[in-house]
Each structure stands twice: as C-alpha cells, then as structure tokens.
Amino acid sequence: MTDAKLVSAARQGDQEAFKELVKRHEPRVAATVIGMLGNCAEAEDVGQETFIRLYKNMEKFRGESSLATYLTRIAINLSLNELKRRRRRGLLFYQKSPEEIYELPDTKANGQKNEDKEIVQRAIGKLESKFRAVVVLRLIDGYSAEETAKILHVPLGTVLSRLSRAQKKLKELLIPYYGDER
C-alpha cells in the first residue's frame, strides 16, 4: 500500500494504517533526529513528537511533497527547537556512552568503526544548528541539495554554501583525529 493510501486510511481513523506509516518512516526520522541531537533521551522524545504531530495534523498534509520529506521537516524543526532549549539551559551536544550508541559486536574492525562514528558524530554536534541541519539532510539522510532546500525553506545557494562551510568546519574539527589525509 502506498503512503498516500495509508494517509487516506489513517485520516478515516484506521489505526493500523497509521502504525504502518510509523513503521515505514521511523528509521529515517530516527536517523535525522539522532544526527541533529545525538543519541540521547531528547532524541527519542523528538522522534515520538514527530509522529504525534503527524497524527494531530494529518488533515493538513496536502501531499505536495512526499510523506518522508514532510516528516523530515517536522523532525528538523523539533530538533532545532530542542537545540535552542539546550542552549538556553547551557548544554551543548551530549549523548549516551559509546557502548549504548552502537550495538555492534566488539571486534577490532567494528571497534574502530564505532570510534570513528562517535568522533564524527561529536564533530557534527559542534556545528551551528543551521549547518548541522544541512549536513544531516545531505550527508546522512541522503537528500539532494534541492530537496534539502525545500525541507529547510531556504534557497539552493544557501544549502550549497552552508554545506561547504560545514564541511570546512568538520575538516578542522577532525584534523586532530585523522590529520590532513582524511
């Protein structure tokens, strides 16, 4: 069943249709929120709130963009709100311990992969939220530059310049770990 048919059924009160929408889109929403906030309790709350907003505003979804894009926009907005709250509370990027983040077997190769993921995630977390949003959407979620511009409601040129500046900043943040080569 397509997303459009599931949305239509959910609007009619079909709870199973809504559950299927959540099941389909939960991984992408989770990736977006964790990319923005890190793997923390607030990320889980924001992910849940994304689907609550969808449920409450199902009638407002016009289908002009895909449901995935619509949900990503909600997740980004809620994540940006959480980042603002953190700044007001004096908290920066924080996350669970590395053992709680990745549930991969602890082999030597995977241990290095986990360490690399943690280092990159921390570096992304140090970016200003407007740059972080572009990095998460383009490089983690895989949206095109045009799709990213639509989701963030900014011109394409803004996405491209923010991505360029974010990549330069990430390189600066990662040089202590990997040198100039990576």
N, C-alpha and C. Protein backbone atom coordinates (compact mmCIF):
# COMPACT_ATOMS: atom_id res chain seq x y z
N MET A 1 0.85 -1.18 0.00
CA MET A 1 0.00 0.00 0.00
C MET A 1 0.90 1.25 0.00
N THR A 2 0.54 2.22 -0.79
CA THR A 2 1.35 3.44 -0.88
C THR A 2 1.14 4.32 0.36
N ASP A 3 2.08 5.24 0.56
CA ASP A 3 1.93 6.19 1.66
C ASP A 3 0.64 6.99 1.52
N ALA A 4 0.31 7.40 0.29
CA ALA A 4 -0.90 8.20 0.07
C ALA A 4 -2.15 7.43 0.51
N LYS A 5 -2.20 6.14 0.19
CA LYS A 5 -3.35 5.34 0.58
C LYS A 5 -3.39 5.15 2.10
N LEU A 6 -2.22 4.96 2.69
CA LEU A 6 -2.16 4.81 4.15
C LEU A 6 -2.57 6.10 4.85
N VAL A 7 -2.14 7.24 4.32
CA VAL A 7 -2.53 8.54 4.90
C VAL A 7 -4.04 8.70 4.80
N SER A 8 -4.58 8.37 3.64
CA SER A 8 -6.03 8.47 3.45
C SER A 8 -6.78 7.58 4.45
N ALA A 9 -6.30 6.36 4.62
CA ALA A 9 -6.93 5.44 5.57
C ALA A 9 -6.77 5.94 7.00
N ALA A 10 -5.60 6.47 7.33
CA ALA A 10 -5.37 6.99 8.68
C ALA A 10 -6.28 8.18 8.96
N ARG A 11 -6.52 9.00 7.95
CA ARG A 11 -7.44 10.13 8.11
C ARG A 11 -8.85 9.66 8.44
N GLN A 12 -9.20 8.47 7.95
CA GLN A 12 -10.52 7.88 8.19
C GLN A 12 -10.59 7.19 9.55
N GLY A 13 -9.46 7.21 10.30
CA GLY A 13 -9.44 6.61 11.62
C GLY A 13 -8.82 5.23 11.68
N ASP A 14 -8.24 4.76 10.60
CA ASP A 14 -7.62 3.44 10.56
C ASP A 14 -6.28 3.47 11.31
N GLN A 15 -6.28 2.95 12.54
CA GLN A 15 -5.09 2.96 13.38
C GLN A 15 -3.97 2.09 12.81
N GLU A 16 -4.35 0.99 12.17
CA GLU A 16 -3.34 0.10 11.58
C GLU A 16 -2.59 0.80 10.45
N ALA A 17 -3.30 1.62 9.69
CA ALA A 17 -2.66 2.37 8.61
C ALA A 17 -1.65 3.34 9.19
N PHE A 18 -2.02 4.01 10.28
CA PHE A 18 -1.08 4.94 10.91
C PHE A 18 0.12 4.19 11.47
N LYS A 19 -0.10 3.04 12.09
CA LYS A 19 1.01 2.23 12.61
C LYS A 19 1.97 1.84 11.49
N GLU A 20 1.43 1.52 10.34
CA GLU A 20 2.27 1.16 9.19
C GLU A 20 3.11 2.36 8.73
N LEU A 21 2.51 3.54 8.74
CA LEU A 21 3.26 4.75 8.38
C LEU A 21 4.42 4.97 9.35
N VAL A 22 4.16 4.80 10.63
CA VAL A 22 5.21 4.95 11.64
C VAL A 22 6.31 3.92 11.39
N LYS A 23 5.92 2.68 11.18
CA LYS A 23 6.89 1.60 10.95
C LYS A 23 7.77 1.90 9.73
N ARG A 24 7.17 2.41 8.66
CA ARG A 24 7.91 2.72 7.44
C ARG A 24 8.90 3.87 7.61
N HIS A 25 8.47 4.89 8.36
CA HIS A 25 9.25 6.13 8.39
C HIS A 25 10.07 6.34 9.66
N GLU A 26 9.89 5.47 10.64
CA GLU A 26 10.61 5.61 11.90
C GLU A 26 12.13 5.59 11.73
N PRO A 27 12.70 4.70 10.91
CA PRO A 27 14.17 4.70 10.78
C PRO A 27 14.75 6.01 10.25
N ARG A 28 14.11 6.60 9.26
CA ARG A 28 14.61 7.86 8.71
C ARG A 28 14.44 9.00 9.71
N VAL A 29 13.31 9.05 10.38
CA VAL A 29 13.09 10.09 11.39
C VAL A 29 14.14 9.94 12.49
N ALA A 30 14.37 8.72 12.93
CA ALA A 30 15.36 8.48 13.98
C ALA A 30 16.75 8.91 13.53
N ALA A 31 17.13 8.58 12.31
CA ALA A 31 18.44 8.98 11.80
C ALA A 31 18.59 10.49 11.75
N THR A 32 17.54 11.17 11.34
CA THR A 32 17.57 12.63 11.26
C THR A 32 17.72 13.24 12.66
N VAL A 33 16.90 12.79 13.58
CA VAL A 33 16.91 13.36 14.93
C VAL A 33 18.23 13.05 15.63
N ILE A 34 18.71 11.82 15.53
CA ILE A 34 19.98 11.46 16.16
C ILE A 34 21.12 12.22 15.52
N GLY A 35 21.04 12.43 14.22
CA GLY A 35 22.05 13.24 13.55
C GLY A 35 22.08 14.67 14.06
N MET A 36 20.93 15.18 14.41
CA MET A 36 20.84 16.56 14.91
C MET A 36 21.17 16.67 16.40
N LEU A 37 20.72 15.72 17.20
CA LEU A 37 20.81 15.85 18.66
C LEU A 37 21.80 14.89 19.32
N GLY A 38 22.21 13.86 18.62
CA GLY A 38 22.99 12.81 19.24
C GLY A 38 22.03 11.76 19.78
N ASN A 39 22.56 10.65 20.22
CA ASN A 39 21.74 9.56 20.71
C ASN A 39 21.48 9.79 22.20
N CYS A 40 20.35 10.44 22.49
CA CYS A 40 20.02 10.81 23.86
C CYS A 40 18.52 10.69 24.07
N ALA A 41 18.09 10.84 25.29
CA ALA A 41 16.67 10.72 25.61
C ALA A 41 15.85 11.75 24.85
N GLU A 42 16.38 12.96 24.70
CA GLU A 42 15.66 14.00 23.98
C GLU A 42 15.43 13.63 22.53
N ALA A 43 16.38 12.90 21.93
CA ALA A 43 16.22 12.46 20.55
C ALA A 43 15.02 11.52 20.43
N GLU A 44 14.89 10.62 21.38
CA GLU A 44 13.75 9.71 21.37
C GLU A 44 12.44 10.49 21.53
N ASP A 45 12.44 11.47 22.43
CA ASP A 45 11.25 12.31 22.64
C ASP A 45 10.88 13.07 21.37
N VAL A 46 11.88 13.64 20.71
CA VAL A 46 11.63 14.39 19.48
C VAL A 46 11.11 13.46 18.38
N GLY A 47 11.64 12.26 18.30
CA GLY A 47 11.16 11.29 17.32
C GLY A 47 9.69 10.95 17.55
N GLN A 48 9.34 10.73 18.80
CA GLN A 48 7.94 10.43 19.13
C GLN A 48 7.04 11.63 18.85
N GLU A 49 7.53 12.81 19.20
CA GLU A 49 6.75 14.03 18.98
C GLU A 49 6.52 14.26 17.48
N THR A 50 7.47 13.86 16.64
CA THR A 50 7.32 13.99 15.19
C THR A 50 6.08 13.23 14.72
N PHE A 51 5.91 12.00 15.20
CA PHE A 51 4.75 11.20 14.79
C PHE A 51 3.47 11.66 15.46
N ILE A 52 3.57 12.20 16.65
CA ILE A 52 2.39 12.78 17.30
C ILE A 52 1.89 13.97 16.49
N ARG A 53 2.83 14.81 16.04
CA ARG A 53 2.45 15.96 15.21
C ARG A 53 1.81 15.50 13.90
N LEU A 54 2.37 14.45 13.30
CA LEU A 54 1.78 13.92 12.07
C LEU A 54 0.34 13.49 12.35
N TYR A 55 0.13 12.76 13.43
CA TYR A 55 -1.19 12.25 13.76
C TYR A 55 -2.18 13.39 13.97
N LYS A 56 -1.76 14.38 14.74
CA LYS A 56 -2.64 15.51 15.05
C LYS A 56 -2.93 16.38 13.83
N ASN A 57 -1.98 16.44 12.89
CA ASN A 57 -2.10 17.33 11.74
C ASN A 57 -2.27 16.58 10.42
N MET A 58 -2.77 15.36 10.50
CA MET A 58 -2.93 14.53 9.31
C MET A 58 -3.74 15.26 8.23
N GLU A 59 -4.75 16.01 8.62
CA GLU A 59 -5.59 16.72 7.65
C GLU A 59 -4.81 17.83 6.94
N LYS A 60 -3.77 18.35 7.56
CA LYS A 60 -3.00 19.45 6.96
C LYS A 60 -2.00 18.96 5.92
N PHE A 61 -1.70 17.67 5.93
CA PHE A 61 -0.75 17.13 4.95
C PHE A 61 -1.44 17.09 3.59
N ARG A 62 -0.94 17.91 2.66
CA ARG A 62 -1.57 18.07 1.35
C ARG A 62 -0.97 17.15 0.29
N GLY A 63 0.14 16.51 0.60
CA GLY A 63 0.74 15.60 -0.36
C GLY A 63 1.54 16.30 -1.45
N GLU A 64 1.86 17.59 -1.24
CA GLU A 64 2.67 18.32 -2.23
C GLU A 64 4.10 17.82 -2.25
N SER A 65 4.54 17.28 -1.13
CA SER A 65 5.85 16.63 -1.05
C SER A 65 5.60 15.21 -0.54
N SER A 66 6.63 14.40 -0.56
CA SER A 66 6.45 13.05 -0.05
C SER A 66 6.24 13.09 1.46
N LEU A 67 5.66 12.05 2.00
CA LEU A 67 5.47 11.97 3.44
C LEU A 67 6.81 11.97 4.16
N ALA A 68 7.82 11.31 3.55
CA ALA A 68 9.16 11.29 4.15
C ALA A 68 9.71 12.70 4.29
N THR A 69 9.54 13.52 3.28
CA THR A 69 10.00 14.90 3.33
C THR A 69 9.24 15.69 4.39
N TYR A 70 7.94 15.50 4.45
CA TYR A 70 7.10 16.18 5.43
C TYR A 70 7.54 15.82 6.85
N LEU A 71 7.75 14.52 7.09
CA LEU A 71 8.19 14.07 8.42
C LEU A 71 9.58 14.57 8.75
N THR A 72 10.45 14.60 7.76
CA THR A 72 11.81 15.10 7.99
C THR A 72 11.77 16.57 8.39
N ARG A 73 10.92 17.34 7.75
CA ARG A 73 10.80 18.76 8.08
C ARG A 73 10.32 18.92 9.52
N ILE A 74 9.33 18.14 9.92
CA ILE A 74 8.85 18.19 11.32
C ILE A 74 10.00 17.82 12.26
N ALA A 75 10.71 16.75 11.95
CA ALA A 75 11.82 16.29 12.81
C ALA A 75 12.92 17.34 12.91
N ILE A 76 13.25 17.98 11.80
CA ILE A 76 14.28 19.03 11.81
C ILE A 76 13.81 20.21 12.67
N ASN A 77 12.57 20.65 12.48
CA ASN A 77 12.06 21.78 13.27
C ASN A 77 12.07 21.47 14.76
N LEU A 78 11.60 20.29 15.12
CA LEU A 78 11.58 19.91 16.54
C LEU A 78 13.01 19.78 17.09
N SER A 79 13.93 19.26 16.28
CA SER A 79 15.33 19.15 16.70
C SER A 79 15.95 20.53 16.91
N LEU A 80 15.66 21.45 16.00
CA LEU A 80 16.17 22.82 16.16
C LEU A 80 15.62 23.47 17.42
N ASN A 81 14.34 23.21 17.71
CA ASN A 81 13.76 23.73 18.96
C ASN A 81 14.48 23.16 20.17
N GLU A 82 14.78 21.87 20.13
CA GLU A 82 15.50 21.23 21.24
C GLU A 82 16.90 21.82 21.39
N LEU A 83 17.57 22.08 20.29
CA LEU A 83 18.90 22.70 20.36
C LEU A 83 18.83 24.08 20.99
N LYS A 84 17.78 24.83 20.69
CA LYS A 84 17.60 26.15 21.30
C LYS A 84 17.38 26.01 22.81
N ARG A 85 16.57 25.01 23.19
CA ARG A 85 16.34 24.77 24.62
C ARG A 85 17.66 24.42 25.32
N ARG A 86 18.46 23.59 24.68
CA ARG A 86 19.74 23.21 25.27
C ARG A 86 20.63 24.43 25.46
N ARG A 87 20.66 25.29 24.46
CA ARG A 87 21.50 26.48 24.56
C ARG A 87 21.04 27.35 25.73
N ARG A 88 19.73 27.47 25.87
CA ARG A 88 19.20 28.26 26.99
C ARG A 88 19.57 27.63 28.33
N ARG A 89 19.61 26.29 28.37
CA ARG A 89 19.96 25.60 29.61
C ARG A 89 21.47 25.48 29.78
N GLY A 90 22.22 25.95 28.79
CA GLY A 90 23.67 25.90 28.89
C GLY A 90 24.27 24.55 28.53
N LEU A 91 23.50 23.71 27.86
CA LEU A 91 24.00 22.40 27.45
C LEU A 91 24.37 22.45 25.98
N LEU A 92 25.41 21.75 25.64
CA LEU A 92 25.76 21.63 24.23
C LEU A 92 25.40 20.22 23.79
N PHE A 93 26.07 19.72 22.85
CA PHE A 93 25.84 18.37 22.32
C PHE A 93 26.23 17.35 23.37
N TYR A 94 25.35 16.43 23.67
CA TYR A 94 25.70 15.35 24.57
C TYR A 94 25.01 14.09 24.11
N GLN A 95 25.51 12.98 24.56
CA GLN A 95 24.98 11.71 24.11
C GLN A 95 25.24 10.64 25.15
N LYS A 96 24.70 9.46 24.88
CA LYS A 96 24.95 8.30 25.73
C LYS A 96 26.38 7.84 25.54
N SER A 97 26.78 6.93 26.38
CA SER A 97 28.13 6.39 26.25
C SER A 97 28.25 5.62 24.95
N PRO A 98 29.47 5.45 24.44
CA PRO A 98 29.65 4.73 23.17
C PRO A 98 29.05 3.34 23.18
N GLU A 99 29.07 2.66 24.32
CA GLU A 99 28.51 1.32 24.39
C GLU A 99 26.99 1.34 24.13
N GLU A 100 26.33 2.41 24.54
CA GLU A 100 24.89 2.50 24.36
C GLU A 100 24.50 2.95 22.95
N ILE A 101 25.42 3.62 22.26
CA ILE A 101 25.10 4.16 20.94
C ILE A 101 25.05 3.07 19.89
N TYR A 102 26.06 2.24 19.84
CA TYR A 102 26.18 1.25 18.79
C TYR A 102 26.07 -0.15 19.36
N GLU A 103 25.24 -0.93 18.76
CA GLU A 103 25.05 -2.29 19.24
C GLU A 103 25.74 -3.28 18.32
N LEU A 104 26.95 -2.95 17.90
CA LEU A 104 27.71 -3.83 17.02
C LEU A 104 28.60 -4.73 17.86
N PRO A 105 28.90 -5.93 17.38
CA PRO A 105 29.82 -6.80 18.10
C PRO A 105 31.17 -6.11 18.25
N ASP A 106 31.84 -6.35 19.36
CA ASP A 106 33.09 -5.65 19.64
C ASP A 106 34.29 -6.40 19.05
N THR A 107 34.39 -6.35 17.72
CA THR A 107 35.58 -6.87 17.08
C THR A 107 36.52 -5.70 16.85
N LYS A 108 37.75 -5.98 16.50
CA LYS A 108 38.72 -4.91 16.30
C LYS A 108 38.26 -3.94 15.21
N ALA A 109 37.80 -4.47 14.07
CA ALA A 109 37.36 -3.61 12.96
C ALA A 109 36.14 -2.79 13.36
N ASN A 110 35.16 -3.44 13.99
CA ASN A 110 33.96 -2.72 14.41
C ASN A 110 34.26 -1.74 15.54
N GLY A 111 35.20 -2.08 16.38
CA GLY A 111 35.60 -1.15 17.44
C GLY A 111 36.13 0.14 16.85
N GLN A 112 36.93 0.05 15.81
CA GLN A 112 37.44 1.26 15.14
C GLN A 112 36.31 2.00 14.45
N LYS A 113 35.39 1.25 13.83
CA LYS A 113 34.26 1.88 13.15
C LYS A 113 33.41 2.65 14.16
N ASN A 114 33.17 2.05 15.32
CA ASN A 114 32.40 2.72 16.36
C ASN A 114 33.09 3.98 16.83
N GLU A 115 34.38 3.89 17.02
CA GLU A 115 35.14 5.05 17.47
C GLU A 115 35.06 6.17 16.42
N ASP A 116 35.20 5.81 15.14
CA ASP A 116 35.09 6.79 14.07
C ASP A 116 33.71 7.44 14.05
N LYS A 117 32.66 6.62 14.19
CA LYS A 117 31.30 7.17 14.19
C LYS A 117 31.11 8.15 15.35
N GLU A 118 31.62 7.79 16.50
CA GLU A 118 31.48 8.64 17.67
C GLU A 118 32.21 9.97 17.46
N ILE A 119 33.41 9.91 16.92
CA ILE A 119 34.19 11.12 16.67
C ILE A 119 33.48 12.02 15.66
N VAL A 120 32.99 11.44 14.59
CA VAL A 120 32.29 12.23 13.56
C VAL A 120 31.00 12.79 14.13
N GLN A 121 30.27 12.00 14.90
CA GLN A 121 29.01 12.47 15.49
C GLN A 121 29.28 13.65 16.44
N ARG A 122 30.33 13.55 17.22
CA ARG A 122 30.67 14.67 18.11
C ARG A 122 31.03 15.91 17.32
N ALA A 123 31.77 15.73 16.22
CA ALA A 123 32.14 16.87 15.37
C ALA A 123 30.90 17.52 14.76
N ILE A 124 29.98 16.72 14.26
CA ILE A 124 28.74 17.26 13.71
C ILE A 124 27.97 18.01 14.79
N GLY A 125 27.99 17.49 16.00
CA GLY A 125 27.30 18.13 17.11
C GLY A 125 27.86 19.48 17.48
N LYS A 126 29.10 19.76 17.09
CA LYS A 126 29.72 21.05 17.39
C LYS A 126 29.39 22.12 16.35
N LEU A 127 28.76 21.71 15.25
CA LEU A 127 28.38 22.68 14.22
C LEU A 127 27.19 23.50 14.69
N GLU A 128 27.10 24.75 14.20
CA GLU A 128 25.90 25.54 14.45
C GLU A 128 24.71 24.78 13.87
N SER A 129 23.54 24.95 14.44
CA SER A 129 22.38 24.16 14.04
C SER A 129 22.03 24.33 12.56
N LYS A 130 22.20 25.51 11.99
CA LYS A 130 21.85 25.69 10.57
C LYS A 130 22.78 24.89 9.67
N PHE A 131 24.04 24.73 10.08
CA PHE A 131 24.98 23.92 9.31
C PHE A 131 24.75 22.43 9.57
N ARG A 132 24.45 22.10 10.81
CA ARG A 132 24.19 20.72 11.19
C ARG A 132 23.00 20.17 10.42
N ALA A 133 21.95 20.98 10.29
CA ALA A 133 20.75 20.54 9.57
C ALA A 133 21.09 20.17 8.13
N VAL A 134 21.91 20.98 7.47
CA VAL A 134 22.28 20.70 6.09
C VAL A 134 23.12 19.42 6.01
N VAL A 135 24.07 19.27 6.91
CA VAL A 135 24.92 18.07 6.91
C VAL A 135 24.07 16.82 7.13
N VAL A 136 23.18 16.87 8.09
CA VAL A 136 22.34 15.70 8.38
C VAL A 136 21.47 15.35 7.18
N LEU A 137 20.82 16.35 6.61
CA LEU A 137 19.93 16.07 5.49
C LEU A 137 20.69 15.59 4.26
N ARG A 138 21.78 16.27 3.91
CA ARG A 138 22.53 15.93 2.69
C ARG A 138 23.40 14.69 2.85
N LEU A 139 24.22 14.67 3.89
CA LEU A 139 25.23 13.63 4.00
C LEU A 139 24.79 12.40 4.78
N ILE A 140 23.87 12.56 5.70
CA ILE A 140 23.43 11.41 6.49
C ILE A 140 22.13 10.83 5.94
N ASP A 141 21.13 11.69 5.71
CA ASP A 141 19.84 11.21 5.20
C ASP A 141 19.84 11.02 3.69
N GLY A 142 20.77 11.63 2.99
CA GLY A 142 20.90 11.41 1.55
C GLY A 142 19.96 12.22 0.67
N TYR A 143 19.38 13.28 1.20
CA TYR A 143 18.54 14.14 0.36
C TYR A 143 19.42 14.90 -0.62
N SER A 144 18.86 15.23 -1.78
CA SER A 144 19.58 16.06 -2.75
C SER A 144 19.64 17.48 -2.22
N ALA A 145 20.47 18.30 -2.84
CA ALA A 145 20.57 19.71 -2.43
C ALA A 145 19.22 20.40 -2.61
N GLU A 146 18.53 20.09 -3.70
CA GLU A 146 17.23 20.70 -3.96
C GLU A 146 16.21 20.28 -2.89
N GLU A 147 16.19 19.00 -2.56
CA GLU A 147 15.26 18.52 -1.53
C GLU A 147 15.59 19.15 -0.18
N THR A 148 16.87 19.27 0.13
CA THR A 148 17.29 19.90 1.38
C THR A 148 16.81 21.34 1.44
N ALA A 149 16.93 22.05 0.33
CA ALA A 149 16.47 23.44 0.26
C ALA A 149 14.96 23.53 0.54
N LYS A 150 14.20 22.60 -0.05
CA LYS A 150 12.75 22.60 0.18
C LYS A 150 12.41 22.29 1.64
N ILE A 151 13.09 21.31 2.20
CA ILE A 151 12.81 20.92 3.59
C ILE A 151 13.12 22.08 4.54
N LEU A 152 14.23 22.76 4.30
CA LEU A 152 14.65 23.85 5.19
C LEU A 152 14.05 25.20 4.81
N HIS A 153 13.35 25.25 3.70
CA HIS A 153 12.76 26.51 3.20
C HIS A 153 13.81 27.60 3.02
N VAL A 154 14.91 27.22 2.37
CA VAL A 154 15.97 28.18 2.06
C VAL A 154 16.33 27.99 0.58
N PRO A 155 16.95 29.02 -0.02
CA PRO A 155 17.37 28.88 -1.42
C PRO A 155 18.44 27.80 -1.58
N LEU A 156 18.52 27.24 -2.78
CA LEU A 156 19.51 26.22 -3.10
C LEU A 156 20.92 26.71 -2.81
N GLY A 157 21.22 27.95 -3.18
CA GLY A 157 22.55 28.52 -2.93
C GLY A 157 22.91 28.55 -1.46
N THR A 158 21.93 28.77 -0.62
CA THR A 158 22.16 28.77 0.83
C THR A 158 22.55 27.38 1.30
N VAL A 159 21.86 26.36 0.79
CA VAL A 159 22.20 24.98 1.13
C VAL A 159 23.64 24.68 0.72
N LEU A 160 23.98 25.05 -0.51
CA LEU A 160 25.32 24.75 -1.02
C LEU A 160 26.40 25.48 -0.22
N SER A 161 26.16 26.75 0.11
CA SER A 161 27.18 27.48 0.88
C SER A 161 27.28 26.96 2.30
N ARG A 162 26.15 26.62 2.92
CA ARG A 162 26.19 26.06 4.28
C ARG A 162 26.89 24.71 4.29
N LEU A 163 26.63 23.91 3.27
CA LEU A 163 27.28 22.61 3.20
C LEU A 163 28.79 22.77 3.05
N SER A 164 29.19 23.69 2.20
CA SER A 164 30.62 23.94 2.01
C SER A 164 31.27 24.42 3.30
N ARG A 165 30.64 25.36 3.96
CA ARG A 165 31.19 25.88 5.23
C ARG A 165 31.20 24.80 6.31
N ALA A 166 30.16 23.98 6.34
CA ALA A 166 30.08 22.90 7.33
C ALA A 166 31.18 21.87 7.08
N GLN A 167 31.42 21.55 5.82
CA GLN A 167 32.47 20.57 5.51
C GLN A 167 33.85 21.12 5.90
N LYS A 168 34.09 22.40 5.68
CA LYS A 168 35.36 23.01 6.09
C LYS A 168 35.52 22.95 7.60
N LYS A 169 34.43 23.27 8.31
CA LYS A 169 34.48 23.24 9.77
C LYS A 169 34.68 21.81 10.27
N LEU A 170 33.99 20.85 9.66
CA LEU A 170 34.17 19.45 10.05
C LEU A 170 35.60 19.00 9.83
N LYS A 171 36.18 19.42 8.73
CA LYS A 171 37.58 19.06 8.45
C LYS A 171 38.48 19.61 9.56
N GLU A 172 38.25 20.87 9.94
CA GLU A 172 39.03 21.47 11.03
C GLU A 172 38.87 20.67 12.32
N LEU A 173 37.64 20.26 12.62
CA LEU A 173 37.37 19.53 13.85
C LEU A 173 37.95 18.12 13.83
N LEU A 174 38.08 17.53 12.64
CA LEU A 174 38.54 16.15 12.53
C LEU A 174 40.05 16.02 12.32
N ILE A 175 40.73 17.10 11.95
CA ILE A 175 42.18 17.05 11.73
C ILE A 175 42.93 16.51 12.95
N PRO A 176 42.58 16.91 14.17
CA PRO A 176 43.30 16.35 15.33
C PRO A 176 43.22 14.82 15.43
N TYR A 177 42.17 14.24 14.88
CA TYR A 177 41.98 12.79 14.96
C TYR A 177 42.57 12.06 13.76
N TYR A 178 42.47 12.68 12.60
CA TYR A 178 42.83 11.96 11.37
C TYR A 178 43.92 12.65 10.55
N GLY A 179 44.35 13.82 10.95
CA GLY A 179 45.35 14.55 10.16
C GLY A 179 44.72 15.14 8.92
N ASP A 180 45.54 15.60 8.00
CA ASP A 180 45.06 16.24 6.77
C ASP A 180 44.64 15.25 5.70
N GLU A 181 44.96 13.99 5.86
CA GLU A 181 44.75 12.99 4.82
C GLU A 181 43.28 12.63 4.61
N ARG A 182 42.50 12.55 5.65
CA ARG A 182 41.14 12.04 5.56
C ARG A 182 40.18 13.07 5.16
